[in-house]
Amino acid sequence: MTSLDTNAVLNRLLILHHRSLPTYLSYAIPWLHRDNEVALEVLQSIAADHRALVDRLGELIMAGGGVVAYGHFPLQYTALHDLSLDYLVARLVAFERQLIPQISQCAEQLRMNPAAQAVALESLGEAKAHLQSLEELTQPSSHLGA
């Protein structure tokens, strides 16, 4: 895989995280009530992880002579910021479930570049942990913040 191809895959991975639903909701905070503390902490933690990964990916892309492409948030996200976080947790779970195979595909495409693949695999592990954290919020005993 050429550095051009590697940078294209890294940019795809960067955009998946930089323009993710958790990142969007960290800027356009959804409607909250006082029982949403735990769910808000999980959302903010995921968004912070995404931002940290974007920084690392950007460094890899620039080190490889590439240009960082940040992409755009999907337009449909603009309809979500005024919904309750209780409702959005299910949307966040669905987002993470879709993100995991996309990251996995990027990691596979980066197999010829061990350093880049290591970052992709690390992000895959984070995505799986994020999914688990979000799924725990949907359990009846969690009460989204109790």
N, C-alpha and C. Protein backbone atom coordinates (compact mmCIF):
# COMPACT_ATOMS: atom_id res chain seq x y z
N MET A 1 0.86 -1.17 0.00
CA MET A 1 0.00 0.00 0.00
C MET A 1 0.90 1.24 0.00
N THR A 2 0.65 2.16 -0.92
CA THR A 2 1.45 3.37 -0.98
C THR A 2 1.07 4.31 0.15
N SER A 3 1.91 5.31 0.39
CA SER A 3 1.59 6.27 1.44
C SER A 3 0.33 7.06 1.08
N LEU A 4 0.07 7.24 -0.23
CA LEU A 4 -1.15 7.90 -0.67
C LEU A 4 -2.37 7.08 -0.27
N ASP A 5 -2.32 5.77 -0.50
CA ASP A 5 -3.41 4.89 -0.13
C ASP A 5 -3.57 4.84 1.40
N THR A 6 -2.45 4.75 2.11
CA THR A 6 -2.49 4.73 3.57
C THR A 6 -3.14 5.99 4.09
N ASN A 7 -2.74 7.14 3.55
CA ASN A 7 -3.32 8.40 4.01
C ASN A 7 -4.81 8.49 3.70
N ALA A 8 -5.24 7.91 2.60
CA ALA A 8 -6.67 7.91 2.27
C ALA A 8 -7.45 7.11 3.31
N VAL A 9 -6.93 5.96 3.70
CA VAL A 9 -7.59 5.13 4.71
C VAL A 9 -7.55 5.83 6.07
N LEU A 10 -6.41 6.42 6.40
CA LEU A 10 -6.32 7.15 7.67
C LEU A 10 -7.28 8.34 7.69
N ASN A 11 -7.43 9.03 6.56
CA ASN A 11 -8.40 10.13 6.49
C ASN A 11 -9.82 9.63 6.65
N ARG A 12 -10.11 8.48 6.08
CA ARG A 12 -11.46 7.90 6.25
C ARG A 12 -11.71 7.62 7.73
N LEU A 13 -10.73 7.03 8.38
CA LEU A 13 -10.84 6.74 9.81
C LEU A 13 -10.97 8.03 10.63
N LEU A 14 -10.21 9.05 10.24
CA LEU A 14 -10.28 10.34 10.92
C LEU A 14 -11.68 10.93 10.79
N ILE A 15 -12.23 10.93 9.60
CA ILE A 15 -13.56 11.50 9.38
C ILE A 15 -14.62 10.72 10.16
N LEU A 16 -14.50 9.40 10.20
CA LEU A 16 -15.46 8.59 10.97
C LEU A 16 -15.53 9.05 12.42
N HIS A 17 -14.39 9.47 12.97
CA HIS A 17 -14.35 9.89 14.37
C HIS A 17 -14.58 11.39 14.54
N HIS A 18 -14.02 12.19 13.65
CA HIS A 18 -14.16 13.65 13.78
C HIS A 18 -15.59 14.10 13.52
N ARG A 19 -16.28 13.39 12.68
CA ARG A 19 -17.67 13.75 12.34
C ARG A 19 -18.66 12.71 12.84
N SER A 20 -18.33 12.14 13.98
CA SER A 20 -19.19 11.11 14.58
C SER A 20 -20.38 11.73 15.30
N LEU A 21 -21.39 10.92 15.54
CA LEU A 21 -22.55 11.39 16.30
C LEU A 21 -22.16 11.81 17.72
N PRO A 22 -21.33 11.05 18.44
CA PRO A 22 -20.94 11.51 19.77
C PRO A 22 -20.21 12.86 19.74
N THR A 23 -19.36 13.06 18.74
CA THR A 23 -18.66 14.33 18.62
C THR A 23 -19.65 15.45 18.34
N TYR A 24 -20.58 15.22 17.44
CA TYR A 24 -21.60 16.23 17.13
C TYR A 24 -22.39 16.60 18.39
N LEU A 25 -22.82 15.58 19.13
CA LEU A 25 -23.64 15.85 20.32
C LEU A 25 -22.83 16.49 21.44
N SER A 26 -21.52 16.42 21.38
CA SER A 26 -20.71 17.12 22.38
C SER A 26 -20.70 18.62 22.09
N TYR A 27 -20.95 19.00 20.85
CA TYR A 27 -21.03 20.42 20.48
C TYR A 27 -22.47 20.93 20.56
N ALA A 28 -23.41 20.12 20.12
CA ALA A 28 -24.83 20.48 20.11
C ALA A 28 -25.51 19.62 21.18
N ILE A 29 -25.35 20.02 22.41
CA ILE A 29 -25.79 19.22 23.55
C ILE A 29 -27.29 18.94 23.45
N PRO A 30 -27.67 17.67 23.58
CA PRO A 30 -29.09 17.33 23.54
C PRO A 30 -29.81 17.81 24.80
N TRP A 31 -31.13 17.69 24.76
CA TRP A 31 -31.93 18.08 25.91
C TRP A 31 -31.62 17.13 27.06
N LEU A 32 -31.40 17.69 28.23
CA LEU A 32 -31.02 16.92 29.40
C LEU A 32 -31.98 17.17 30.55
N HIS A 33 -32.03 16.22 31.45
CA HIS A 33 -32.68 16.43 32.74
C HIS A 33 -31.72 15.94 33.81
N ARG A 34 -32.02 16.18 35.05
CA ARG A 34 -31.04 15.94 36.11
C ARG A 34 -30.65 14.48 36.27
N ASP A 35 -31.39 13.55 35.73
CA ASP A 35 -31.03 12.13 35.83
C ASP A 35 -30.12 11.66 34.70
N ASN A 36 -29.62 12.58 33.90
CA ASN A 36 -28.78 12.23 32.75
C ASN A 36 -27.28 12.36 33.00
N GLU A 37 -26.86 12.51 34.25
CA GLU A 37 -25.44 12.75 34.51
C GLU A 37 -24.56 11.63 33.96
N VAL A 38 -24.91 10.39 34.22
CA VAL A 38 -24.08 9.26 33.78
C VAL A 38 -24.06 9.19 32.25
N ALA A 39 -25.20 9.33 31.62
CA ALA A 39 -25.25 9.28 30.16
C ALA A 39 -24.45 10.43 29.55
N LEU A 40 -24.53 11.60 30.15
CA LEU A 40 -23.76 12.73 29.64
C LEU A 40 -22.26 12.50 29.81
N GLU A 41 -21.86 11.92 30.92
CA GLU A 41 -20.45 11.60 31.14
C GLU A 41 -19.95 10.59 30.10
N VAL A 42 -20.76 9.58 29.81
CA VAL A 42 -20.38 8.58 28.80
C VAL A 42 -20.25 9.26 27.44
N LEU A 43 -21.21 10.09 27.08
CA LEU A 43 -21.17 10.80 25.80
C LEU A 43 -19.92 11.67 25.71
N GLN A 44 -19.63 12.43 26.75
CA GLN A 44 -18.47 13.31 26.73
C GLN A 44 -17.16 12.51 26.67
N SER A 45 -17.12 11.38 27.35
CA SER A 45 -15.93 10.53 27.32
C SER A 45 -15.68 9.97 25.92
N ILE A 46 -16.74 9.52 25.28
CA ILE A 46 -16.61 8.99 23.91
C ILE A 46 -16.13 10.10 22.97
N ALA A 47 -16.74 11.27 23.08
CA ALA A 47 -16.35 12.39 22.22
C ALA A 47 -14.89 12.77 22.46
N ALA A 48 -14.45 12.76 23.72
CA ALA A 48 -13.06 13.08 24.03
C ALA A 48 -12.11 12.04 23.42
N ASP A 49 -12.50 10.77 23.51
CA ASP A 49 -11.70 9.71 22.88
C ASP A 49 -11.61 9.92 21.38
N HIS A 50 -12.73 10.31 20.77
CA HIS A 50 -12.74 10.54 19.33
C HIS A 50 -11.82 11.70 18.97
N ARG A 51 -11.87 12.79 19.74
CA ARG A 51 -11.01 13.94 19.46
C ARG A 51 -9.53 13.57 19.61
N ALA A 52 -9.19 12.78 20.63
CA ALA A 52 -7.80 12.37 20.83
C ALA A 52 -7.33 11.50 19.66
N LEU A 53 -8.19 10.62 19.19
CA LEU A 53 -7.83 9.78 18.06
C LEU A 53 -7.65 10.61 16.80
N VAL A 54 -8.50 11.59 16.59
CA VAL A 54 -8.37 12.48 15.43
C VAL A 54 -7.01 13.16 15.44
N ASP A 55 -6.57 13.60 16.61
CA ASP A 55 -5.24 14.23 16.71
C ASP A 55 -4.14 13.26 16.29
N ARG A 56 -4.22 12.03 16.80
CA ARG A 56 -3.20 11.02 16.47
C ARG A 56 -3.22 10.68 14.98
N LEU A 57 -4.41 10.54 14.43
CA LEU A 57 -4.53 10.22 13.00
C LEU A 57 -4.01 11.38 12.16
N GLY A 58 -4.31 12.60 12.56
CA GLY A 58 -3.81 13.76 11.83
C GLY A 58 -2.30 13.80 11.81
N GLU A 59 -1.68 13.47 12.93
CA GLU A 59 -0.21 13.42 12.99
C GLU A 59 0.34 12.35 12.05
N LEU A 60 -0.30 11.18 12.02
CA LEU A 60 0.15 10.11 11.13
C LEU A 60 0.02 10.52 9.66
N ILE A 61 -1.09 11.16 9.34
CA ILE A 61 -1.33 11.58 7.96
C ILE A 61 -0.28 12.60 7.53
N MET A 62 -0.03 13.59 8.38
CA MET A 62 0.95 14.62 8.03
C MET A 62 2.37 14.04 7.97
N ALA A 63 2.67 13.10 8.88
CA ALA A 63 3.99 12.45 8.85
C ALA A 63 4.18 11.66 7.56
N GLY A 64 3.08 11.18 7.00
CA GLY A 64 3.15 10.44 5.74
C GLY A 64 3.07 11.33 4.52
N GLY A 65 3.14 12.63 4.74
CA GLY A 65 3.11 13.57 3.62
C GLY A 65 1.72 13.87 3.09
N GLY A 66 0.70 13.48 3.85
CA GLY A 66 -0.66 13.70 3.40
C GLY A 66 -1.28 14.98 3.94
N VAL A 67 -2.46 15.25 3.47
CA VAL A 67 -3.24 16.40 3.91
C VAL A 67 -4.45 15.86 4.67
N VAL A 68 -4.70 16.44 5.83
CA VAL A 68 -5.81 15.99 6.66
C VAL A 68 -7.13 16.49 6.07
N ALA A 69 -8.08 15.57 5.92
CA ALA A 69 -9.43 15.91 5.45
C ALA A 69 -10.39 15.71 6.62
N TYR A 70 -11.07 16.78 7.01
CA TYR A 70 -11.92 16.70 8.19
C TYR A 70 -13.36 16.30 7.88
N GLY A 71 -13.81 16.46 6.66
CA GLY A 71 -15.16 16.07 6.31
C GLY A 71 -16.20 16.99 6.92
N HIS A 72 -17.45 16.58 6.82
CA HIS A 72 -18.58 17.36 7.33
C HIS A 72 -19.48 16.45 8.15
N PHE A 73 -20.15 17.05 9.12
CA PHE A 73 -21.15 16.27 9.86
C PHE A 73 -22.29 15.93 8.91
N PRO A 74 -22.85 14.72 9.01
CA PRO A 74 -24.03 14.39 8.22
C PRO A 74 -25.18 15.35 8.54
N LEU A 75 -25.87 15.78 7.54
CA LEU A 75 -26.94 16.76 7.69
C LEU A 75 -28.03 16.28 8.64
N GLN A 76 -28.29 14.96 8.68
CA GLN A 76 -29.36 14.44 9.53
C GLN A 76 -29.07 14.66 11.02
N TYR A 77 -27.81 14.90 11.38
CA TYR A 77 -27.50 15.15 12.79
C TYR A 77 -28.16 16.42 13.31
N THR A 78 -28.39 17.38 12.42
CA THR A 78 -28.95 18.66 12.87
C THR A 78 -30.36 18.51 13.45
N ALA A 79 -31.02 17.43 13.15
CA ALA A 79 -32.37 17.20 13.68
C ALA A 79 -32.34 16.52 15.05
N LEU A 80 -31.17 16.23 15.58
CA LEU A 80 -31.07 15.43 16.80
C LEU A 80 -30.76 16.22 18.06
N HIS A 81 -30.17 17.40 17.94
CA HIS A 81 -29.67 18.08 19.13
C HIS A 81 -30.76 18.54 20.10
N ASP A 82 -31.98 18.66 19.62
CA ASP A 82 -33.05 19.09 20.53
C ASP A 82 -33.85 17.91 21.10
N LEU A 83 -33.40 16.70 20.83
CA LEU A 83 -34.04 15.51 21.40
C LEU A 83 -33.40 15.20 22.75
N SER A 84 -34.08 14.40 23.54
CA SER A 84 -33.55 14.08 24.87
C SER A 84 -32.40 13.08 24.75
N LEU A 85 -31.48 13.18 25.68
CA LEU A 85 -30.37 12.24 25.72
C LEU A 85 -30.88 10.83 25.97
N ASP A 86 -31.96 10.69 26.73
CA ASP A 86 -32.56 9.37 26.96
C ASP A 86 -32.85 8.69 25.62
N TYR A 87 -33.48 9.42 24.72
CA TYR A 87 -33.82 8.89 23.41
C TYR A 87 -32.56 8.63 22.58
N LEU A 88 -31.61 9.55 22.65
CA LEU A 88 -30.42 9.48 21.81
C LEU A 88 -29.47 8.36 22.17
N VAL A 89 -29.56 7.83 23.38
CA VAL A 89 -28.68 6.72 23.75
C VAL A 89 -28.87 5.55 22.78
N ALA A 90 -30.10 5.27 22.42
CA ALA A 90 -30.36 4.18 21.46
C ALA A 90 -29.75 4.51 20.10
N ARG A 91 -29.80 5.77 19.69
CA ARG A 91 -29.19 6.19 18.43
C ARG A 91 -27.67 6.07 18.50
N LEU A 92 -27.11 6.38 19.67
CA LEU A 92 -25.66 6.26 19.86
C LEU A 92 -25.22 4.80 19.81
N VAL A 93 -26.02 3.91 20.38
CA VAL A 93 -25.73 2.48 20.31
C VAL A 93 -25.71 2.03 18.84
N ALA A 94 -26.72 2.44 18.09
CA ALA A 94 -26.78 2.08 16.67
C ALA A 94 -25.59 2.66 15.92
N PHE A 95 -25.20 3.88 16.25
CA PHE A 95 -24.04 4.49 15.61
C PHE A 95 -22.78 3.66 15.86
N GLU A 96 -22.54 3.30 17.11
CA GLU A 96 -21.34 2.52 17.45
C GLU A 96 -21.36 1.16 16.76
N ARG A 97 -22.54 0.54 16.66
CA ARG A 97 -22.64 -0.76 15.99
C ARG A 97 -22.28 -0.64 14.51
N GLN A 98 -22.58 0.50 13.89
CA GLN A 98 -22.21 0.71 12.49
C GLN A 98 -20.74 1.10 12.35
N LEU A 99 -20.21 1.79 13.37
CA LEU A 99 -18.83 2.25 13.33
C LEU A 99 -17.84 1.10 13.41
N ILE A 100 -18.13 0.11 14.22
CA ILE A 100 -17.18 -0.99 14.47
C ILE A 100 -16.77 -1.71 13.18
N PRO A 101 -17.69 -2.13 12.32
CA PRO A 101 -17.22 -2.79 11.08
C PRO A 101 -16.48 -1.85 10.14
N GLN A 102 -16.80 -0.56 10.18
CA GLN A 102 -16.09 0.40 9.33
C GLN A 102 -14.64 0.55 9.80
N ILE A 103 -14.44 0.62 11.11
CA ILE A 103 -13.08 0.70 11.65
C ILE A 103 -12.33 -0.59 11.33
N SER A 104 -13.00 -1.71 11.50
CA SER A 104 -12.38 -3.01 11.22
C SER A 104 -11.91 -3.09 9.77
N GLN A 105 -12.72 -2.60 8.87
CA GLN A 105 -12.34 -2.58 7.44
C GLN A 105 -11.11 -1.70 7.23
N CYS A 106 -11.07 -0.54 7.87
CA CYS A 106 -9.90 0.34 7.75
C CYS A 106 -8.66 -0.36 8.30
N ALA A 107 -8.81 -1.01 9.45
CA ALA A 107 -7.67 -1.72 10.05
C ALA A 107 -7.14 -2.79 9.11
N GLU A 108 -8.03 -3.51 8.47
CA GLU A 108 -7.62 -4.55 7.52
C GLU A 108 -6.88 -3.93 6.33
N GLN A 109 -7.37 -2.81 5.84
CA GLN A 109 -6.73 -2.14 4.70
C GLN A 109 -5.34 -1.60 5.06
N LEU A 110 -5.11 -1.39 6.34
CA LEU A 110 -3.82 -0.85 6.80
C LEU A 110 -2.83 -1.94 7.21
N ARG A 111 -3.11 -3.19 6.89
CA ARG A 111 -2.28 -4.31 7.36
C ARG A 111 -0.83 -4.23 6.91
N MET A 112 -0.56 -3.51 5.83
CA MET A 112 0.82 -3.38 5.34
C MET A 112 1.58 -2.25 6.03
N ASN A 113 0.90 -1.51 6.89
CA ASN A 113 1.54 -0.42 7.64
C ASN A 113 1.27 -0.67 9.12
N PRO A 114 2.15 -1.38 9.80
CA PRO A 114 1.90 -1.78 11.19
C PRO A 114 1.61 -0.62 12.14
N ALA A 115 2.28 0.50 11.99
CA ALA A 115 2.03 1.63 12.89
C ALA A 115 0.62 2.19 12.70
N ALA A 116 0.22 2.34 11.46
CA ALA A 116 -1.12 2.85 11.17
C ALA A 116 -2.18 1.84 11.58
N GLN A 117 -1.91 0.56 11.32
CA GLN A 117 -2.87 -0.47 11.70
C GLN A 117 -3.03 -0.54 13.21
N ALA A 118 -1.95 -0.33 13.94
CA ALA A 118 -2.02 -0.36 15.41
C ALA A 118 -2.96 0.71 15.93
N VAL A 119 -2.92 1.90 15.33
CA VAL A 119 -3.82 2.98 15.74
C VAL A 119 -5.26 2.60 15.39
N ALA A 120 -5.46 2.02 14.22
CA ALA A 120 -6.80 1.61 13.81
C ALA A 120 -7.34 0.53 14.75
N LEU A 121 -6.51 -0.43 15.10
CA LEU A 121 -6.95 -1.50 16.01
C LEU A 121 -7.23 -0.96 17.41
N GLU A 122 -6.45 0.01 17.83
CA GLU A 122 -6.72 0.66 19.11
C GLU A 122 -8.08 1.35 19.08
N SER A 123 -8.38 2.02 17.98
CA SER A 123 -9.68 2.69 17.86
C SER A 123 -10.81 1.67 17.81
N LEU A 124 -10.54 0.50 17.25
CA LEU A 124 -11.54 -0.57 17.22
C LEU A 124 -11.85 -1.04 18.64
N GLY A 125 -10.80 -1.22 19.43
CA GLY A 125 -11.00 -1.60 20.83
C GLY A 125 -11.78 -0.55 21.60
N GLU A 126 -11.47 0.72 21.35
CA GLU A 126 -12.21 1.80 22.01
C GLU A 126 -13.68 1.79 21.60
N ALA A 127 -13.93 1.57 20.31
CA ALA A 127 -15.31 1.56 19.82
C ALA A 127 -16.11 0.44 20.49
N LYS A 128 -15.50 -0.70 20.65
CA LYS A 128 -16.17 -1.81 21.33
C LYS A 128 -16.45 -1.48 22.79
N ALA A 129 -15.51 -0.83 23.45
CA ALA A 129 -15.71 -0.41 24.84
C ALA A 129 -16.80 0.66 24.91
N HIS A 130 -16.82 1.58 23.94
CA HIS A 130 -17.86 2.61 23.91
C HIS A 130 -19.24 1.97 23.75
N LEU A 131 -19.32 1.00 22.86
CA LEU A 131 -20.59 0.30 22.66
C LEU A 131 -21.06 -0.35 23.95
N GLN A 132 -20.15 -0.99 24.65
CA GLN A 132 -20.51 -1.63 25.91
C GLN A 132 -21.00 -0.60 26.92
N SER A 133 -20.33 0.53 27.02
CA SER A 133 -20.75 1.59 27.95
C SER A 133 -22.14 2.11 27.59
N LEU A 134 -22.38 2.28 26.32
CA LEU A 134 -23.70 2.77 25.89
C LEU A 134 -24.79 1.72 26.12
N GLU A 135 -24.47 0.47 25.85
CA GLU A 135 -25.46 -0.59 26.08
C GLU A 135 -25.80 -0.71 27.56
N GLU A 136 -24.83 -0.47 28.43
CA GLU A 136 -25.11 -0.50 29.87
C GLU A 136 -26.12 0.58 30.26
N LEU A 137 -26.09 1.70 29.54
CA LEU A 137 -27.05 2.77 29.82
C LEU A 137 -28.48 2.37 29.46
N THR A 138 -28.62 1.40 28.55
CA THR A 138 -29.95 1.00 28.12
C THR A 138 -30.56 -0.07 29.04
N GLN A 139 -29.75 -0.58 29.96
CA GLN A 139 -30.25 -1.60 30.90
C GLN A 139 -31.23 -0.95 31.87
N PRO A 140 -32.31 -1.63 32.20
CA PRO A 140 -33.32 -1.06 33.09
C PRO A 140 -32.77 -0.58 34.44
N SER A 141 -31.74 -1.25 34.95
CA SER A 141 -31.21 -0.87 36.25
C SER A 141 -30.36 0.39 36.20
N SER A 142 -29.94 0.84 34.99
CA SER A 142 -29.06 1.99 34.92
C SER A 142 -29.81 3.31 35.14
N HIS A 143 -31.07 3.37 34.72
CA HIS A 143 -31.89 4.58 34.86
C HIS A 143 -31.22 5.82 34.25
N LEU A 144 -30.28 5.63 33.35
CA LEU A 144 -29.61 6.72 32.65
C LEU A 144 -29.09 7.79 33.59
N GLY A 145 -28.62 7.42 34.72
CA GLY A 145 -28.00 8.42 35.57
C GLY A 145 -28.29 8.22 37.02
N ALA A 146 -29.10 7.23 37.37
CA ALA A 146 -29.44 7.03 38.78
C ALA A 146 -28.29 6.44 39.52
